[in-house]
Amino acid sequence: MIGMLPMVLGTPVDLNSPGHYVHWGVIQISVANLVVVGVMLLVFILALVLPFPRGRDRK
């Protein structure tokens, strides 16, 4: 069981290898940063679209 602990706690990607990059003309961005930007845009769009919780009506 102790021998499997580093395998379980290890990262799903090899951090010792060079990063992967995406090129669009003069724009170059790493895939990891592109994923972070995509998640931030998704959260921003969800914050705009999802309704705010409503309080109780005062009568």
PDB file of N, CA and C in Angstrom:
ATOM      1  N   MET A   1       0.822  -1.198   0.000  1.00  0.00           N
ATOM      2  CA  MET A   1       0.000   0.000   0.000  1.00  0.00           C
ATOM      3  C   MET A   1       0.862   1.256   0.000  1.00  0.00           C
ATOM      4  N   ILE A   2       1.943   1.265   0.752  1.00  0.00           N
ATOM      5  CA  ILE A   2       2.802   2.451   0.822  1.00  0.00           C
ATOM      6  C   ILE A   2       3.481   2.671  -0.531  1.00  0.00           C
ATOM      7  N   GLY A   3       3.761   1.623  -1.261  1.00  0.00           N
ATOM      8  CA  GLY A   3       4.404   1.765  -2.562  1.00  0.00           C
ATOM      9  C   GLY A   3       3.509   2.449  -3.580  1.00  0.00           C
ATOM     10  N   MET A   4       2.177   2.369  -3.413  1.00  0.00           N
ATOM     11  CA  MET A   4       1.247   3.002  -4.356  1.00  0.00           C
ATOM     12  C   MET A   4       0.959   4.460  -4.007  1.00  0.00           C
ATOM     13  N   LEU A   5       1.348   4.912  -2.812  1.00  0.00           N
ATOM     14  CA  LEU A   5       1.033   6.262  -2.371  1.00  0.00           C
ATOM     15  C   LEU A   5       1.591   7.334  -3.309  1.00  0.00           C
ATOM     16  N   PRO A   6       2.844   7.271  -3.750  1.00  0.00           N
ATOM     17  CA  PRO A   6       3.310   8.301  -4.698  1.00  0.00           C
ATOM     18  C   PRO A   6       2.543   8.276  -6.017  1.00  0.00           C
ATOM     19  N   MET A   7       2.091   7.102  -6.435  1.00  0.00           N
ATOM     20  CA  MET A   7       1.345   7.021  -7.681  1.00  0.00           C
ATOM     21  C   MET A   7      -0.025   7.682  -7.530  1.00  0.00           C
ATOM     22  N   VAL A   8      -0.643   7.522  -6.370  1.00  0.00           N
ATOM     23  CA  VAL A   8      -1.956   8.106  -6.124  1.00  0.00           C
ATOM     24  C   VAL A   8      -1.844   9.621  -5.966  1.00  0.00           C
ATOM     25  N   LEU A   9      -0.809  10.082  -5.278  1.00  0.00           N
ATOM     26  CA  LEU A   9      -0.642  11.507  -5.023  1.00  0.00           C
ATOM     27  C   LEU A   9       0.080  12.235  -6.160  1.00  0.00           C
ATOM     28  N   GLY A  10       0.551  11.520  -7.161  1.00  0.00           N
ATOM     29  CA  GLY A  10       1.266  12.129  -8.266  1.00  0.00           C
ATOM     30  C   GLY A  10       0.361  12.951  -9.165  1.00  0.00           C
ATOM     31  N   THR A  11       0.970  13.810  -9.953  1.00  0.00           N
ATOM     32  CA  THR A  11       0.198  14.647 -10.868  1.00  0.00           C
ATOM     33  C   THR A  11      -0.198  13.852 -12.102  1.00  0.00           C
ATOM     34  N   PRO A  12      -1.318  14.216 -12.734  1.00  0.00           N
ATOM     35  CA  PRO A  12      -1.738  13.480 -13.935  1.00  0.00           C
ATOM     36  C   PRO A  12      -0.901  13.824 -15.166  1.00  0.00           C
ATOM     37  N   VAL A  13      -0.073  14.861 -15.088  1.00  0.00           N
ATOM     38  CA  VAL A  13       0.796  15.232 -16.208  1.00  0.00           C
ATOM     39  C   VAL A  13       2.236  15.221 -15.741  1.00  0.00           C
ATOM     40  N   ASP A  14       3.144  15.044 -16.681  1.00  0.00           N
ATOM     41  CA  ASP A  14       4.570  15.044 -16.379  1.00  0.00           C
ATOM     42  C   ASP A  14       5.057  16.485 -16.290  1.00  0.00           C
ATOM     43  N   LEU A  15       5.421  16.929 -15.089  1.00  0.00           N
ATOM     44  CA  LEU A  15       5.851  18.315 -14.892  1.00  0.00           C
ATOM     45  C   LEU A  15       7.321  18.524 -15.224  1.00  0.00           C
ATOM     46  N   ASN A  16       8.035  17.468 -15.559  1.00  0.00           N
ATOM     47  CA  ASN A  16       9.446  17.592 -15.911  1.00  0.00           C
ATOM     48  C   ASN A  16       9.656  17.804 -17.407  1.00  0.00           C
ATOM     49  N   SER A  17       8.611  17.725 -18.191  1.00  0.00           N
ATOM     50  CA  SER A  17       8.742  17.904 -19.640  1.00  0.00           C
ATOM     51  C   SER A  17       8.424  19.349 -20.009  1.00  0.00           C
ATOM     52  N   PRO A  18       8.864  19.804 -21.161  1.00  0.00           N
ATOM     53  CA  PRO A  18       8.526  21.164 -21.585  1.00  0.00           C
ATOM     54  C   PRO A  18       7.026  21.315 -21.812  1.00  0.00           C
ATOM     55  N   GLY A  19       6.523  22.536 -21.639  1.00  0.00           N
ATOM     56  CA  GLY A  19       5.099  22.789 -21.806  1.00  0.00           C
ATOM     57  C   GLY A  19       4.676  22.743 -23.263  1.00  0.00           C
ATOM     58  N   HIS A  20       3.385  22.607 -23.471  1.00  0.00           N
ATOM     59  CA  HIS A  20       2.824  22.604 -24.816  1.00  0.00           C
ATOM     60  C   HIS A  20       2.228  23.984 -25.083  1.00  0.00           C
ATOM     61  N   TYR A  21       2.433  24.473 -26.287  1.00  0.00           N
ATOM     62  CA  TYR A  21       1.992  25.824 -26.630  1.00  0.00           C
ATOM     63  C   TYR A  21       1.081  25.802 -27.842  1.00  0.00           C
ATOM     64  N   VAL A  22       0.194  26.793 -27.920  1.00  0.00           N
ATOM     65  CA  VAL A  22      -0.706  26.977 -29.047  1.00  0.00           C
ATOM     66  C   VAL A  22      -0.292  28.274 -29.733  1.00  0.00           C
ATOM     67  N   HIS A  23      -0.205  28.249 -31.054  1.00  0.00           N
ATOM     68  CA  HIS A  23       0.217  29.423 -31.808  1.00  0.00           C
ATOM     69  C   HIS A  23      -0.927  29.901 -32.692  1.00  0.00           C
ATOM     70  N   TRP A  24      -1.245  31.207 -32.608  1.00  0.00           N
ATOM     71  CA  TRP A  24      -2.190  31.851 -33.522  1.00  0.00           C
ATOM     72  C   TRP A  24      -1.501  33.089 -34.074  1.00  0.00           C
ATOM     73  N   GLY A  25      -0.775  32.937 -35.151  1.00  0.00           N
ATOM     74  CA  GLY A  25      -0.054  34.074 -35.716  1.00  0.00           C
ATOM     75  C   GLY A  25       1.006  34.563 -34.747  1.00  0.00           C
ATOM     76  N   VAL A  26       0.845  35.781 -34.256  1.00  0.00           N
ATOM     77  CA  VAL A  26       1.830  36.337 -33.327  1.00  0.00           C
ATOM     78  C   VAL A  26       1.492  36.005 -31.875  1.00  0.00           C
ATOM     79  N   ILE A  27       0.359  35.370 -31.624  1.00  0.00           N
ATOM     80  CA  ILE A  27      -0.049  35.028 -30.265  1.00  0.00           C
ATOM     81  C   ILE A  27       0.419  33.620 -29.938  1.00  0.00           C
ATOM     82  N   GLN A  28       1.099  33.495 -28.811  1.00  0.00           N
ATOM     83  CA  GLN A  28       1.558  32.195 -28.337  1.00  0.00           C
ATOM     84  C   GLN A  28       1.171  32.073 -26.868  1.00  0.00           C
ATOM     85  N   ILE A  29       0.451  31.006 -26.513  1.00  0.00           N
ATOM     86  CA  ILE A  29      -0.011  30.807 -25.140  1.00  0.00           C
ATOM     87  C   ILE A  29       0.105  29.336 -24.796  1.00  0.00           C
ATOM     88  N   SER A  30       0.455  29.065 -23.545  1.00  0.00           N
ATOM     89  CA  SER A  30       0.571  27.669 -23.128  1.00  0.00           C
ATOM     90  C   SER A  30      -0.831  27.069 -22.979  1.00  0.00           C
ATOM     91  N   VAL A  31      -0.908  25.782 -23.131  1.00  0.00           N
ATOM     92  CA  VAL A  31      -2.192  25.096 -23.038  1.00  0.00           C
ATOM     93  C   VAL A  31      -2.761  25.232 -21.621  1.00  0.00           C
ATOM     94  N   ALA A  32      -1.904  25.189 -20.611  1.00  0.00           N
ATOM     95  CA  ALA A  32      -2.373  25.330 -19.232  1.00  0.00           C
ATOM     96  C   ALA A  32      -3.004  26.712 -19.015  1.00  0.00           C
ATOM     97  N   ASN A  33      -2.368  27.764 -19.515  1.00  0.00           N
ATOM     98  CA  ASN A  33      -2.931  29.103 -19.370  1.00  0.00           C
ATOM     99  C   ASN A  33      -4.202  29.259 -20.186  1.00  0.00           C
ATOM    100  N   LEU A  34      -4.273  28.612 -21.335  1.00  0.00           N
ATOM    101  CA  LEU A  34      -5.470  28.673 -22.158  1.00  0.00           C
ATOM    102  C   LEU A  34      -6.652  28.010 -21.444  1.00  0.00           C
ATOM    103  N   VAL A  35      -6.401  26.917 -20.737  1.00  0.00           N
ATOM    104  CA  VAL A  35      -7.451  26.257 -19.966  1.00  0.00           C
ATOM    105  C   VAL A  35      -7.927  27.167 -18.839  1.00  0.00           C
ATOM    106  N   VAL A  36      -7.006  27.835 -18.154  1.00  0.00           N
ATOM    107  CA  VAL A  36      -7.377  28.742 -17.063  1.00  0.00           C
ATOM    108  C   VAL A  36      -8.211  29.897 -17.589  1.00  0.00           C
ATOM    109  N   VAL A  37      -7.825  30.474 -18.713  1.00  0.00           N
ATOM    110  CA  VAL A  37      -8.591  31.566 -19.315  1.00  0.00           C
ATOM    111  C   VAL A  37      -9.978  31.083 -19.714  1.00  0.00           C
ATOM    112  N   GLY A  38     -10.081  29.893 -20.281  1.00  0.00           N
ATOM    113  CA  GLY A  38     -11.381  29.339 -20.659  1.00  0.00           C
ATOM    114  C   GLY A  38     -12.296  29.120 -19.464  1.00  0.00           C
ATOM    115  N   VAL A  39     -11.741  28.615 -18.351  1.00  0.00           N
ATOM    116  CA  VAL A  39     -12.548  28.410 -17.149  1.00  0.00           C
ATOM    117  C   VAL A  39     -13.004  29.747 -16.582  1.00  0.00           C
ATOM    118  N   MET A  40     -12.131  30.759 -16.601  1.00  0.00           N
ATOM    119  CA  MET A  40     -12.518  32.081 -16.104  1.00  0.00           C
ATOM    120  C   MET A  40     -13.626  32.685 -16.959  1.00  0.00           C
ATOM    121  N   LEU A  41     -13.546  32.534 -18.268  1.00  0.00           N
ATOM    122  CA  LEU A  41     -14.606  33.037 -19.144  1.00  0.00           C
ATOM    123  C   LEU A  41     -15.915  32.303 -18.893  1.00  0.00           C
ATOM    124  N   LEU A  42     -15.846  31.011 -18.675  1.00  0.00           N
ATOM    125  CA  LEU A  42     -17.057  30.228 -18.385  1.00  0.00           C
ATOM    126  C   LEU A  42     -17.706  30.692 -17.087  1.00  0.00           C
ATOM    127  N   VAL A  43     -16.910  30.915 -16.048  1.00  0.00           N
ATOM    128  CA  VAL A  43     -17.454  31.386 -14.776  1.00  0.00           C
ATOM    129  C   VAL A  43     -18.050  32.780 -14.934  1.00  0.00           C
ATOM    130  N   PHE A  44     -17.407  33.643 -15.698  1.00  0.00           N
ATOM    131  CA  PHE A  44     -17.922  34.989 -15.935  1.00  0.00           C
ATOM    132  C   PHE A  44     -19.260  34.943 -16.670  1.00  0.00           C
ATOM    133  N   ILE A  45     -19.360  34.117 -17.692  1.00  0.00           N
ATOM    134  CA  ILE A  45     -20.608  34.012 -18.457  1.00  0.00           C
ATOM    135  C   ILE A  45     -21.718  33.427 -17.587  1.00  0.00           C
ATOM    136  N   LEU A  46     -21.384  32.419 -16.770  1.00  0.00           N
ATOM    137  CA  LEU A  46     -22.380  31.851 -15.870  1.00  0.00           C
ATOM    138  C   LEU A  46     -22.849  32.880 -14.845  1.00  0.00           C
ATOM    139  N   ALA A  47     -21.951  33.748 -14.383  1.00  0.00           N
ATOM    140  CA  ALA A  47     -22.339  34.780 -13.425  1.00  0.00           C
ATOM    141  C   ALA A  47     -23.284  35.792 -14.064  1.00  0.00           C
ATOM    142  N   LEU A  48     -23.154  36.035 -15.345  1.00  0.00           N
ATOM    143  CA  LEU A  48     -24.054  36.953 -16.036  1.00  0.00           C
ATOM    144  C   LEU A  48     -25.406  36.323 -16.336  1.00  0.00           C
ATOM    145  N   VAL A  49     -25.415  35.040 -16.643  1.00  0.00           N
ATOM    146  CA  VAL A  49     -26.631  34.370 -17.107  1.00  0.00           C
ATOM    147  C   VAL A  49     -27.494  33.860 -15.957  1.00  0.00           C
ATOM    148  N   LEU A  50     -26.865  33.288 -14.929  1.00  0.00           N
ATOM    149  CA  LEU A  50     -27.632  32.710 -13.838  1.00  0.00           C
ATOM    150  C   LEU A  50     -28.303  33.812 -13.024  1.00  0.00           C
ATOM    151  N   PRO A  51     -29.548  33.592 -12.614  1.00  0.00           N
ATOM    152  CA  PRO A  51     -30.253  34.624 -11.852  1.00  0.00           C
ATOM    153  C   PRO A  51     -29.720  34.708 -10.425  1.00  0.00           C
ATOM    154  N   PHE A  52     -29.835  35.910  -9.864  1.00  0.00           N
ATOM    155  CA  PHE A  52     -29.463  36.104  -8.468  1.00  0.00           C
ATOM    156  C   PHE A  52     -30.550  35.510  -7.578  1.00  0.00           C
ATOM    157  N   PRO A  53     -30.187  35.016  -6.407  1.00  0.00           N
ATOM    158  CA  PRO A  53     -31.222  34.524  -5.498  1.00  0.00           C
ATOM    159  C   PRO A  53     -32.083  35.710  -5.021  1.00  0.00           C
ATOM    160  N   ARG A  54     -33.360  35.481  -4.922  1.00  0.00           N
ATOM    161  CA  ARG A  54     -34.274  36.542  -4.522  1.00  0.00           C
ATOM    162  C   ARG A  54     -34.601  36.419  -3.047  1.00  0.00           C
ATOM    163  N   GLY A  55     -34.757  37.573  -2.407  1.00  0.00           N
ATOM    164  CA  GLY A  55     -35.153  37.594  -1.009  1.00  0.00           C
ATOM    165  C   GLY A  55     -36.651  37.415  -0.886  1.00  0.00           C
ATOM    166  N   ARG A  56     -37.127  37.396   0.340  1.00  0.00           N
ATOM    167  CA  ARG A  56     -38.570  37.270   0.556  1.00  0.00           C
ATOM    168  C   ARG A  56     -39.263  38.581   0.199  1.00  0.00           C
ATOM    169  N   ASP A  57     -40.454  38.465  -0.314  1.00  0.00           N
ATOM    170  CA  ASP A  57     -41.239  39.664  -0.643  1.00  0.00           C
ATOM    171  C   ASP A  57     -41.752  40.293   0.646  1.00  0.00           C
ATOM    172  N   ARG A  58     -41.606  41.583   0.738  1.00  0.00           N
ATOM    173  CA  ARG A  58     -42.138  42.302   1.903  1.00  0.00           C
ATOM    174  C   ARG A  58     -43.543  42.773   1.596  1.00  0.00           C
ATOM    175  N   LYS A  59     -44.493  42.434   2.474  1.00  0.00           N
ATOM    176  CA  LYS A  59     -45.871  42.833   2.234  1.00  0.00           C
ATOM    177  C   LYS A  59     -46.341  43.766   3.317  1.00  0.00           C
TER     178      LYS A  59
END
